[in-house]
Each structure stands twice: as C-alpha cells, then as structure tokens.
Amino acid sequence: MTAPKPPTTTTTAVSAPGKVLLAGGYLVLDRAHTGLVFGLSARIHVIVQDSHTDAAEGEGREAKKAVMVVKSPQFVDAEWRYETSVLEGGRGMEVRQLE
C-alpha cells in the first residue's frame, strides 16, 4: 500500500501599480461576470497560496465561502482575515472582515 501524497501548494507572486484583480475575469464588462478589484495609491506586491482546507467540509451555501488572509511585512505581526462568498445566482461577491 502506498502512502497518500501530501497536497501540493500552488504559489503565485505578482507586483502591480495601483489596482489588483483578486478574483474574477480580467474583462469584466457585463454584470453577469463579476470580479473583486482593490485600488491603491502605491505599488503592491502579492503572494497567493492555496489553502489546505477539506473540500468536503461545508455543504450548500457554506461550501462557496472562502477565507482570505492578508499579511503585511510593513507592520509587525499584521494579519487581516476576510470571508468571501459568491452571492446567490452569481450576482457578485460579498467580502466581510473577520475579527
């Protein structure tokens, strides 16, 4: 019997001036196609990694939620957590900051 392989982590690093598209399509021209964009007054450097959560956990509406963790090296131990979910019928995204 072979031991199961550990999950692989996909890491993507990007740098962008002024605006960052976190989720959705690049050409969001129709309300049927949504995206989550952050606008900034400075350049941003981002590293995105897959999380290792159990895909089977949560059913129905809960299964569409994800937690986004933002860490900044500019601040000591800075971390912000946001829960993101797709609105019913794909009408958009909801982002809520967690305590």
PDB file of N, CA and C in Angstrom:
ATOM      1  N   MET A   1       0.845  -1.177   0.000  1.00  0.00           N
ATOM      2  CA  MET A   1       0.000   0.000   0.000  1.00  0.00           C
ATOM      3  C   MET A   1       0.890   1.239   0.000  1.00  0.00           C
ATOM      4  N   THR A   2       0.592   2.172  -0.863  1.00  0.00           N
ATOM      5  CA  THR A   2       1.378   3.390  -0.994  1.00  0.00           C
ATOM      6  C   THR A   2       0.777   4.494  -0.129  1.00  0.00           C
ATOM      7  N   ALA A   3       1.649   5.240   0.538  1.00  0.00           N
ATOM      8  CA  ALA A   3       1.177   6.360   1.365  1.00  0.00           C
ATOM      9  C   ALA A   3       0.620   7.454   0.466  1.00  0.00           C
ATOM     10  N   PRO A   4      -0.464   8.123   0.912  1.00  0.00           N
ATOM     11  CA  PRO A   4      -1.020   9.207   0.088  1.00  0.00           C
ATOM     12  C   PRO A   4      -0.029  10.356  -0.029  1.00  0.00           C
ATOM     13  N   LYS A   5      -0.024  10.988  -1.191  1.00  0.00           N
ATOM     14  CA  LYS A   5       0.861  12.128  -1.415  1.00  0.00           C
ATOM     15  C   LYS A   5       0.313  13.347  -0.683  1.00  0.00           C
ATOM     16  N   PRO A   6       1.195  14.145  -0.071  1.00  0.00           N
ATOM     17  CA  PRO A   6       0.716  15.379   0.561  1.00  0.00           C
ATOM     18  C   PRO A   6       0.218  16.341  -0.514  1.00  0.00           C
ATOM     19  N   PRO A   7      -0.758  17.198  -0.163  1.00  0.00           N
ATOM     20  CA  PRO A   7      -1.263  18.140  -1.163  1.00  0.00           C
ATOM     21  C   PRO A   7      -0.165  19.100  -1.604  1.00  0.00           C
ATOM     22  N   THR A   8      -0.142  19.425  -2.878  1.00  0.00           N
ATOM     23  CA  THR A   8       0.835  20.386  -3.374  1.00  0.00           C
ATOM     24  C   THR A   8       0.267  21.790  -3.237  1.00  0.00           C
ATOM     25  N   THR A   9       1.130  22.734  -3.006  1.00  0.00           N
ATOM     26  CA  THR A   9       0.717  24.123  -2.867  1.00  0.00           C
ATOM     27  C   THR A   9       1.123  24.884  -4.116  1.00  0.00           C
ATOM     28  N   THR A  10       0.177  25.592  -4.700  1.00  0.00           N
ATOM     29  CA  THR A  10       0.460  26.448  -5.835  1.00  0.00           C
ATOM     30  C   THR A  10       0.707  27.851  -5.301  1.00  0.00           C
ATOM     31  N   THR A  11       1.828  28.440  -5.658  1.00  0.00           N
ATOM     32  CA  THR A  11       2.161  29.790  -5.215  1.00  0.00           C
ATOM     33  C   THR A  11       2.316  30.684  -6.433  1.00  0.00           C
ATOM     34  N   THR A  12       1.703  31.868  -6.369  1.00  0.00           N
ATOM     35  CA  THR A  12       1.813  32.857  -7.432  1.00  0.00           C
ATOM     36  C   THR A  12       2.235  34.177  -6.806  1.00  0.00           C
ATOM     37  N   ALA A  13       3.277  34.807  -7.337  1.00  0.00           N
ATOM     38  CA  ALA A  13       3.735  36.110  -6.857  1.00  0.00           C
ATOM     39  C   ALA A  13       3.547  37.134  -7.963  1.00  0.00           C
ATOM     40  N   VAL A  14       2.970  38.283  -7.615  1.00  0.00           N
ATOM     41  CA  VAL A  14       2.747  39.344  -8.593  1.00  0.00           C
ATOM     42  C   VAL A  14       3.064  40.697  -7.974  1.00  0.00           C
ATOM     43  N   SER A  15       3.304  41.667  -8.824  1.00  0.00           N
ATOM     44  CA  SER A  15       3.518  43.046  -8.412  1.00  0.00           C
ATOM     45  C   SER A  15       2.735  43.921  -9.378  1.00  0.00           C
ATOM     46  N   ALA A  16       2.012  44.901  -8.843  1.00  0.00           N
ATOM     47  CA  ALA A  16       1.174  45.724  -9.719  1.00  0.00           C
ATOM     48  C   ALA A  16       1.073  47.152  -9.186  1.00  0.00           C
ATOM     49  N   PRO A  17       1.027  48.141 -10.082  1.00  0.00           N
ATOM     50  CA  PRO A  17       0.825  49.523  -9.654  1.00  0.00           C
ATOM     51  C   PRO A  17      -0.662  49.867  -9.613  1.00  0.00           C
ATOM     52  N   GLY A  18      -1.126  50.343  -8.487  1.00  0.00           N
ATOM     53  CA  GLY A  18      -2.453  50.945  -8.423  1.00  0.00           C
ATOM     54  C   GLY A  18      -3.671  50.086  -8.278  1.00  0.00           C
ATOM     55  N   LYS A  19      -3.767  48.967  -8.993  1.00  0.00           N
ATOM     56  CA  LYS A  19      -5.007  48.200  -8.971  1.00  0.00           C
ATOM     57  C   LYS A  19      -4.696  46.708  -9.048  1.00  0.00           C
ATOM     58  N   VAL A  20      -5.434  45.913  -8.267  1.00  0.00           N
ATOM     59  CA  VAL A  20      -5.205  44.474  -8.244  1.00  0.00           C
ATOM     60  C   VAL A  20      -6.530  43.743  -8.392  1.00  0.00           C
ATOM     61  N   LEU A  21      -6.607  42.839  -9.362  1.00  0.00           N
ATOM     62  CA  LEU A  21      -7.778  41.984  -9.543  1.00  0.00           C
ATOM     63  C   LEU A  21      -7.530  40.701  -8.760  1.00  0.00           C
ATOM     64  N   LEU A  22      -8.262  40.510  -7.657  1.00  0.00           N
ATOM     65  CA  LEU A  22      -8.069  39.330  -6.826  1.00  0.00           C
ATOM     66  C   LEU A  22      -8.864  38.129  -7.300  1.00  0.00           C
ATOM     67  N   ALA A  23     -10.033  38.363  -7.828  1.00  0.00           N
ATOM     68  CA  ALA A  23     -10.886  37.249  -8.258  1.00  0.00           C
ATOM     69  C   ALA A  23     -11.733  37.693  -9.433  1.00  0.00           C
ATOM     70  N   GLY A  24     -12.046  36.753 -10.303  1.00  0.00           N
ATOM     71  CA  GLY A  24     -12.902  37.067 -11.443  1.00  0.00           C
ATOM     72  C   GLY A  24     -12.110  37.140 -12.731  1.00  0.00           C
ATOM     73  N   GLY A  25     -12.790  37.548 -13.780  1.00  0.00           N
ATOM     74  CA  GLY A  25     -12.161  37.635 -15.092  1.00  0.00           C
ATOM     75  C   GLY A  25     -11.554  39.001 -15.332  1.00  0.00           C
ATOM     76  N   TYR A  26     -10.541  39.053 -16.169  1.00  0.00           N
ATOM     77  CA  TYR A  26      -9.870  40.318 -16.459  1.00  0.00           C
ATOM     78  C   TYR A  26     -10.799  41.303 -17.159  1.00  0.00           C
ATOM     79  N   LEU A  27     -11.586  40.832 -18.105  1.00  0.00           N
ATOM     80  CA  LEU A  27     -12.503  41.714 -18.834  1.00  0.00           C
ATOM     81  C   LEU A  27     -13.909  41.578 -18.271  1.00  0.00           C
ATOM     82  N   VAL A  28     -14.171  42.266 -17.172  1.00  0.00           N
ATOM     83  CA  VAL A  28     -15.489  42.216 -16.539  1.00  0.00           C
ATOM     84  C   VAL A  28     -16.305  43.363 -17.131  1.00  0.00           C
ATOM     85  N   LEU A  29     -17.014  43.084 -18.218  1.00  0.00           N
ATOM     86  CA  LEU A  29     -17.760  44.116 -18.926  1.00  0.00           C
ATOM     87  C   LEU A  29     -19.269  43.962 -18.779  1.00  0.00           C
ATOM     88  N   ASP A  30     -19.701  42.886 -18.180  1.00  0.00           N
ATOM     89  CA  ASP A  30     -21.121  42.593 -18.053  1.00  0.00           C
ATOM     90  C   ASP A  30     -21.394  42.228 -16.602  1.00  0.00           C
ATOM     91  N   ARG A  31     -22.518  42.662 -16.048  1.00  0.00           N
ATOM     92  CA  ARG A  31     -22.839  42.353 -14.656  1.00  0.00           C
ATOM     93  C   ARG A  31     -22.918  40.853 -14.389  1.00  0.00           C
ATOM     94  N   ALA A  32     -23.122  40.064 -15.420  1.00  0.00           N
ATOM     95  CA  ALA A  32     -23.162  38.608 -15.246  1.00  0.00           C
ATOM     96  C   ALA A  32     -21.780  38.044 -14.916  1.00  0.00           C
ATOM     97  N   HIS A  33     -20.730  38.817 -15.193  1.00  0.00           N
ATOM     98  CA  HIS A  33     -19.355  38.393 -14.929  1.00  0.00           C
ATOM     99  C   HIS A  33     -18.776  39.329 -13.883  1.00  0.00           C
ATOM    100  N   THR A  34     -18.463  38.788 -12.708  1.00  0.00           N
ATOM    101  CA  THR A  34     -18.038  39.632 -11.595  1.00  0.00           C
ATOM    102  C   THR A  34     -16.544  39.496 -11.328  1.00  0.00           C
ATOM    103  N   GLY A  35     -16.022  40.444 -10.579  1.00  0.00           N
ATOM    104  CA  GLY A  35     -14.631  40.421 -10.174  1.00  0.00           C
ATOM    105  C   GLY A  35     -14.462  41.196  -8.882  1.00  0.00           C
ATOM    106  N   LEU A  36     -13.356  40.973  -8.189  1.00  0.00           N
ATOM    107  CA  LEU A  36     -13.036  41.679  -6.953  1.00  0.00           C
ATOM    108  C   LEU A  36     -11.728  42.428  -7.190  1.00  0.00           C
ATOM    109  N   VAL A  37     -11.791  43.762  -7.196  1.00  0.00           N
ATOM    110  CA  VAL A  37     -10.641  44.609  -7.513  1.00  0.00           C
ATOM    111  C   VAL A  37     -10.354  45.537  -6.336  1.00  0.00           C
ATOM    112  N   PHE A  38      -9.075  45.681  -5.970  1.00  0.00           N
ATOM    113  CA  PHE A  38      -8.651  46.639  -4.954  1.00  0.00           C
ATOM    114  C   PHE A  38      -7.837  47.727  -5.639  1.00  0.00           C
ATOM    115  N   GLY A  39      -8.188  48.998  -5.394  1.00  0.00           N
ATOM    116  CA  GLY A  39      -7.437  50.126  -5.917  1.00  0.00           C
ATOM    117  C   GLY A  39      -6.547  50.694  -4.826  1.00  0.00           C
ATOM    118  N   LEU A  40      -5.302  51.026  -5.172  1.00  0.00           N
ATOM    119  CA  LEU A  40      -4.329  51.514  -4.198  1.00  0.00           C
ATOM    120  C   LEU A  40      -3.626  52.751  -4.729  1.00  0.00           C
ATOM    121  N   SER A  41      -3.022  53.507  -3.819  1.00  0.00           N
ATOM    122  CA  SER A  41      -2.250  54.676  -4.236  1.00  0.00           C
ATOM    123  C   SER A  41      -0.754  54.355  -4.281  1.00  0.00           C
ATOM    124  N   ALA A  42      -0.398  53.082  -4.252  1.00  0.00           N
ATOM    125  CA  ALA A  42       1.006  52.667  -4.280  1.00  0.00           C
ATOM    126  C   ALA A  42       1.122  51.316  -4.980  1.00  0.00           C
ATOM    127  N   ARG A  43       2.339  50.905  -5.237  1.00  0.00           N
ATOM    128  CA  ARG A  43       2.579  49.591  -5.852  1.00  0.00           C
ATOM    129  C   ARG A  43       2.331  48.513  -4.801  1.00  0.00           C
ATOM    130  N   ILE A  44       1.795  47.384  -5.241  1.00  0.00           N
ATOM    131  CA  ILE A  44       1.514  46.289  -4.317  1.00  0.00           C
ATOM    132  C   ILE A  44       2.258  45.040  -4.786  1.00  0.00           C
ATOM    133  N   HIS A  45       2.774  44.295  -3.826  1.00  0.00           N
ATOM    134  CA  HIS A  45       3.434  43.015  -4.090  1.00  0.00           C
ATOM    135  C   HIS A  45       2.609  41.956  -3.365  1.00  0.00           C
ATOM    136  N   VAL A  46       2.199  40.926  -4.072  1.00  0.00           N
ATOM    137  CA  VAL A  46       1.294  39.925  -3.504  1.00  0.00           C
ATOM    138  C   VAL A  46       1.822  38.524  -3.775  1.00  0.00           C
ATOM    139  N   ILE A  47       1.720  37.674  -2.766  1.00  0.00           N
ATOM    140  CA  ILE A  47       1.998  36.247  -2.924  1.00  0.00           C
ATOM    141  C   ILE A  47       0.722  35.515  -2.547  1.00  0.00           C
ATOM    142  N   VAL A  48       0.216  34.703  -3.458  1.00  0.00           N
ATOM    143  CA  VAL A  48      -1.026  33.963  -3.229  1.00  0.00           C
ATOM    144  C   VAL A  48      -0.700  32.482  -3.167  1.00  0.00           C
ATOM    145  N   GLN A  49      -1.222  31.809  -2.113  1.00  0.00           N
ATOM    146  CA  GLN A  49      -1.015  30.374  -1.957  1.00  0.00           C
ATOM    147  C   GLN A  49      -2.356  29.690  -1.764  1.00  0.00           C
ATOM    148  N   ASP A  50      -2.452  28.444  -2.247  1.00  0.00           N
ATOM    149  CA  ASP A  50      -3.639  27.631  -1.988  1.00  0.00           C
ATOM    150  C   ASP A  50      -3.726  27.350  -0.497  1.00  0.00           C
ATOM    151  N   SER A  51      -4.954  27.248   0.006  1.00  0.00           N
ATOM    152  CA  SER A  51      -5.127  26.822   1.390  1.00  0.00           C
ATOM    153  C   SER A  51      -5.375  25.326   1.390  1.00  0.00           C
ATOM    154  N   HIS A  52      -5.095  24.696   2.488  1.00  0.00           N
ATOM    155  CA  HIS A  52      -5.285  23.248   2.592  1.00  0.00           C
ATOM    156  C   HIS A  52      -6.498  22.958   3.462  1.00  0.00           C
ATOM    157  N   THR A  53      -7.676  23.340   2.978  1.00  0.00           N
ATOM    158  CA  THR A  53      -8.905  23.040   3.705  1.00  0.00           C
ATOM    159  C   THR A  53      -9.556  21.830   3.074  1.00  0.00           C
ATOM    160  N   ASP A  54     -10.359  21.158   3.841  1.00  0.00           N
ATOM    161  CA  ASP A  54     -11.058  19.973   3.347  1.00  0.00           C
ATOM    162  C   ASP A  54     -12.193  20.413   2.448  1.00  0.00           C
ATOM    163  N   ALA A  55     -12.126  20.074   1.172  1.00  0.00           N
ATOM    164  CA  ALA A  55     -13.152  20.489   0.211  1.00  0.00           C
ATOM    165  C   ALA A  55     -14.510  19.902   0.552  1.00  0.00           C
ATOM    166  N   ALA A  56     -14.540  18.787   1.266  1.00  0.00           N
ATOM    167  CA  ALA A  56     -15.812  18.158   1.603  1.00  0.00           C
ATOM    168  C   ALA A  56     -16.491  18.848   2.776  1.00  0.00           C
ATOM    169  N   GLU A  57     -15.746  19.666   3.509  1.00  0.00           N
ATOM    170  CA  GLU A  57     -16.338  20.295   4.683  1.00  0.00           C
ATOM    171  C   GLU A  57     -17.267  21.418   4.232  1.00  0.00           C
ATOM    172  N   GLY A  58     -18.408  21.496   4.837  1.00  0.00           N
ATOM    173  CA  GLY A  58     -19.397  22.506   4.462  1.00  0.00           C
ATOM    174  C   GLY A  58     -20.268  22.018   3.334  1.00  0.00           C
ATOM    175  N   GLU A  59     -21.516  22.327   3.415  1.00  0.00           N
ATOM    176  CA  GLU A  59     -22.465  21.924   2.380  1.00  0.00           C
ATOM    177  C   GLU A  59     -23.200  23.154   1.885  1.00  0.00           C
ATOM    178  N   GLY A  60     -23.751  23.080   0.697  1.00  0.00           N
ATOM    179  CA  GLY A  60     -24.600  24.150   0.176  1.00  0.00           C
ATOM    180  C   GLY A  60     -23.910  25.487   0.145  1.00  0.00           C
ATOM    181  N   ARG A  61     -24.529  26.476   0.772  1.00  0.00           N
ATOM    182  CA  ARG A  61     -24.029  27.847   0.756  1.00  0.00           C
ATOM    183  C   ARG A  61     -22.655  27.952   1.405  1.00  0.00           C
ATOM    184  N   GLU A  62     -22.439  27.220   2.496  1.00  0.00           N
ATOM    185  CA  GLU A  62     -21.165  27.278   3.203  1.00  0.00           C
ATOM    186  C   GLU A  62     -20.003  26.828   2.317  1.00  0.00           C
ATOM    187  N   ALA A  63     -20.243  25.891   1.422  1.00  0.00           N
ATOM    188  CA  ALA A  63     -19.178  25.366   0.574  1.00  0.00           C
ATOM    189  C   ALA A  63     -18.658  26.421  -0.399  1.00  0.00           C
ATOM    190  N   LYS A  64     -19.414  27.499  -0.631  1.00  0.00           N
ATOM    191  CA  LYS A  64     -18.998  28.544  -1.559  1.00  0.00           C
ATOM    192  C   LYS A  64     -18.185  29.636  -0.869  1.00  0.00           C
ATOM    193  N   LYS A  65     -17.989  29.541   0.457  1.00  0.00           N
ATOM    194  CA  LYS A  65     -17.251  30.557   1.201  1.00  0.00           C
ATOM    195  C   LYS A  65     -15.773  30.200   1.268  1.00  0.00           C
ATOM    196  N   ALA A  66     -14.953  31.222   1.300  1.00  0.00           N
ATOM    197  CA  ALA A  66     -13.513  31.026   1.446  1.00  0.00           C
ATOM    198  C   ALA A  66     -12.981  32.123   2.351  1.00  0.00           C
ATOM    199  N   VAL A  67     -11.912  31.834   3.060  1.00  0.00           N
ATOM    200  CA  VAL A  67     -11.280  32.830   3.922  1.00  0.00           C
ATOM    201  C   VAL A  67     -10.013  33.312   3.229  1.00  0.00           C
ATOM    202  N   MET A  68      -9.879  34.635   3.134  1.00  0.00           N
ATOM    203  CA  MET A  68      -8.699  35.254   2.544  1.00  0.00           C
ATOM    204  C   MET A  68      -7.903  35.877   3.696  1.00  0.00           C
ATOM    205  N   VAL A  69      -6.623  35.551   3.789  1.00  0.00           N
ATOM    206  CA  VAL A  69      -5.762  36.079   4.840  1.00  0.00           C
ATOM    207  C   VAL A  69      -4.764  37.032   4.201  1.00  0.00           C
ATOM    208  N   VAL A  70      -4.714  38.267   4.712  1.00  0.00           N
ATOM    209  CA  VAL A  70      -3.796  39.286   4.201  1.00  0.00           C
ATOM    210  C   VAL A  70      -2.759  39.559   5.280  1.00  0.00           C
ATOM    211  N   LYS A  71      -1.475  39.398   4.927  1.00  0.00           N
ATOM    212  CA  LYS A  71      -0.373  39.676   5.851  1.00  0.00           C
ATOM    213  C   LYS A  71       0.487  40.765   5.238  1.00  0.00           C
ATOM    214  N   SER A  72       0.972  41.684   6.075  1.00  0.00           N
ATOM    215  CA  SER A  72       1.805  42.766   5.567  1.00  0.00           C
ATOM    216  C   SER A  72       3.111  42.833   6.340  1.00  0.00           C
ATOM    217  N   PRO A  73       4.252  42.744   5.633  1.00  0.00           N
ATOM    218  CA  PRO A  73       5.532  42.858   6.320  1.00  0.00           C
ATOM    219  C   PRO A  73       5.815  44.280   6.804  1.00  0.00           C
ATOM    220  N   GLN A  74       5.001  45.254   6.374  1.00  0.00           N
ATOM    221  CA  GLN A  74       5.195  46.636   6.809  1.00  0.00           C
ATOM    222  C   GLN A  74       4.823  46.826   8.275  1.00  0.00           C
ATOM    223  N   PHE A  75       3.989  45.939   8.810  1.00  0.00           N
ATOM    224  CA  PHE A  75       3.518  46.058  10.182  1.00  0.00           C
ATOM    225  C   PHE A  75       3.881  44.779  10.929  1.00  0.00           C
ATOM    226  N   VAL A  76       4.329  44.901  12.175  1.00  0.00           N
ATOM    227  CA  VAL A  76       4.735  43.748  12.961  1.00  0.00           C
ATOM    228  C   VAL A  76       3.518  42.863  13.235  1.00  0.00           C
ATOM    229  N   ASP A  77       3.604  41.600  12.867  1.00  0.00           N
ATOM    230  CA  ASP A  77       2.538  40.610  13.089  1.00  0.00           C
ATOM    231  C   ASP A  77       1.177  41.049  12.551  1.00  0.00           C
ATOM    232  N   ALA A  78       1.159  41.830  11.487  1.00  0.00           N
ATOM    233  CA  ALA A  78      -0.112  42.303  10.917  1.00  0.00           C
ATOM    234  C   ALA A  78      -0.771  41.186  10.120  1.00  0.00           C
ATOM    235  N   GLU A  79      -2.053  40.983  10.378  1.00  0.00           N
ATOM    236  CA  GLU A  79      -2.816  39.982   9.637  1.00  0.00           C
ATOM    237  C   GLU A  79      -4.282  40.388   9.644  1.00  0.00           C
ATOM    238  N   TRP A  80      -4.887  40.371   8.468  1.00  0.00           N
ATOM    239  CA  TRP A  80      -6.307  40.669   8.334  1.00  0.00           C
ATOM    240  C   TRP A  80      -6.966  39.465   7.692  1.00  0.00           C
ATOM    241  N   ARG A  81      -8.143  39.095   8.178  1.00  0.00           N
ATOM    242  CA  ARG A  81      -8.866  37.936   7.646  1.00  0.00           C
ATOM    243  C   ARG A  81     -10.208  38.394   7.098  1.00  0.00           C
ATOM    244  N   TYR A  82     -10.521  37.912   5.907  1.00  0.00           N
ATOM    245  CA  TYR A  82     -11.784  38.244   5.250  1.00  0.00           C
ATOM    246  C   TYR A  82     -12.466  36.958   4.809  1.00  0.00           C
ATOM    247  N   GLU A  83     -13.771  36.914   4.980  1.00  0.00           N
ATOM    248  CA  GLU A  83     -14.554  35.800   4.451  1.00  0.00           C
ATOM    249  C   GLU A  83     -15.160  36.263   3.143  1.00  0.00           C
ATOM    250  N   THR A  84     -14.974  35.482   2.106  1.00  0.00           N
ATOM    251  CA  THR A  84     -15.522  35.840   0.797  1.00  0.00           C
ATOM    252  C   THR A  84     -16.532  34.787   0.380  1.00  0.00           C
ATOM    253  N   SER A  85     -17.589  35.221  -0.271  1.00  0.00           N
ATOM    254  CA  SER A  85     -18.580  34.269  -0.776  1.00  0.00           C
ATOM    255  C   SER A  85     -19.212  34.824  -2.041  1.00  0.00           C
ATOM    256  N   VAL A  86     -19.651  33.920  -2.876  1.00  0.00           N
ATOM    257  CA  VAL A  86     -20.337  34.286  -4.115  1.00  0.00           C
ATOM    258  C   VAL A  86     -21.813  34.467  -3.786  1.00  0.00           C
ATOM    259  N   LEU A  87     -22.398  35.578  -4.220  1.00  0.00           N
ATOM    260  CA  LEU A  87     -23.814  35.823  -3.973  1.00  0.00           C
ATOM    261  C   LEU A  87     -24.664  34.852  -4.775  1.00  0.00           C
ATOM    262  N   GLU A  88     -25.844  34.593  -4.267  1.00  0.00           N
ATOM    263  CA  GLU A  88     -26.762  33.655  -4.915  1.00  0.00           C
ATOM    264  C   GLU A  88     -26.976  34.027  -6.377  1.00  0.00           C
ATOM    265  N   GLY A  89     -26.937  33.042  -7.225  1.00  0.00           N
ATOM    266  CA  GLY A  89     -27.130  33.273  -8.651  1.00  0.00           C
ATOM    267  C   GLY A  89     -25.918  33.903  -9.321  1.00  0.00           C
ATOM    268  N   GLY A  90     -24.780  33.969  -8.612  1.00  0.00           N
ATOM    269  CA  GLY A  90     -23.575  34.549  -9.192  1.00  0.00           C
ATOM    270  C   GLY A  90     -23.670  36.043  -9.431  1.00  0.00           C
ATOM    271  N   ARG A  91     -24.505  36.750  -8.633  1.00  0.00           N
ATOM    272  CA  ARG A  91     -24.733  38.185  -8.837  1.00  0.00           C
ATOM    273  C   ARG A  91     -23.588  39.057  -8.340  1.00  0.00           C
ATOM    274  N   GLY A  92     -22.580  38.484  -7.772  1.00  0.00           N
ATOM    275  CA  GLY A  92     -21.474  39.274  -7.264  1.00  0.00           C
ATOM    276  C   GLY A  92     -20.767  38.531  -6.145  1.00  0.00           C
ATOM    277  N   MET A  93     -19.918  39.259  -5.428  1.00  0.00           N
ATOM    278  CA  MET A  93     -19.187  38.683  -4.311  1.00  0.00           C
ATOM    279  C   MET A  93     -19.439  39.505  -3.072  1.00  0.00           C
ATOM    280  N   GLU A  94     -19.413  38.838  -1.931  1.00  0.00           N
ATOM    281  CA  GLU A  94     -19.530  39.509  -0.643  1.00  0.00           C
ATOM    282  C   GLU A  94     -18.215  39.290   0.089  1.00  0.00           C
ATOM    283  N   VAL A  95     -17.650  40.358   0.640  1.00  0.00           N
ATOM    284  CA  VAL A  95     -16.414  40.270   1.407  1.00  0.00           C
ATOM    285  C   VAL A  95     -16.695  40.860   2.777  1.00  0.00           C
ATOM    286  N   ARG A  96     -16.398  40.081   3.830  1.00  0.00           N
ATOM    287  CA  ARG A  96     -16.663  40.525   5.198  1.00  0.00           C
ATOM    288  C   ARG A  96     -15.400  40.318   6.018  1.00  0.00           C
ATOM    289  N   GLN A  97     -14.968  41.386   6.733  1.00  0.00           N
ATOM    290  CA  GLN A  97     -13.776  41.260   7.562  1.00  0.00           C
ATOM    291  C   GLN A  97     -14.122  40.475   8.819  1.00  0.00           C
ATOM    292  N   LEU A  98     -13.276  39.497   9.149  1.00  0.00           N
ATOM    293  CA  LEU A  98     -13.458  38.685  10.344  1.00  0.00           C
ATOM    294  C   LEU A  98     -12.697  39.313  11.498  1.00  0.00           C
ATOM    295  N   GLU A  99     -13.157  39.074  12.691  1.00  0.00           N
ATOM    296  CA  GLU A  99     -12.484  39.613  13.893  1.00  0.00           C
ATOM    297  C   GLU A  99     -11.224  38.858  14.186  1.00  0.00           C
TER     298      GLU A  99
END
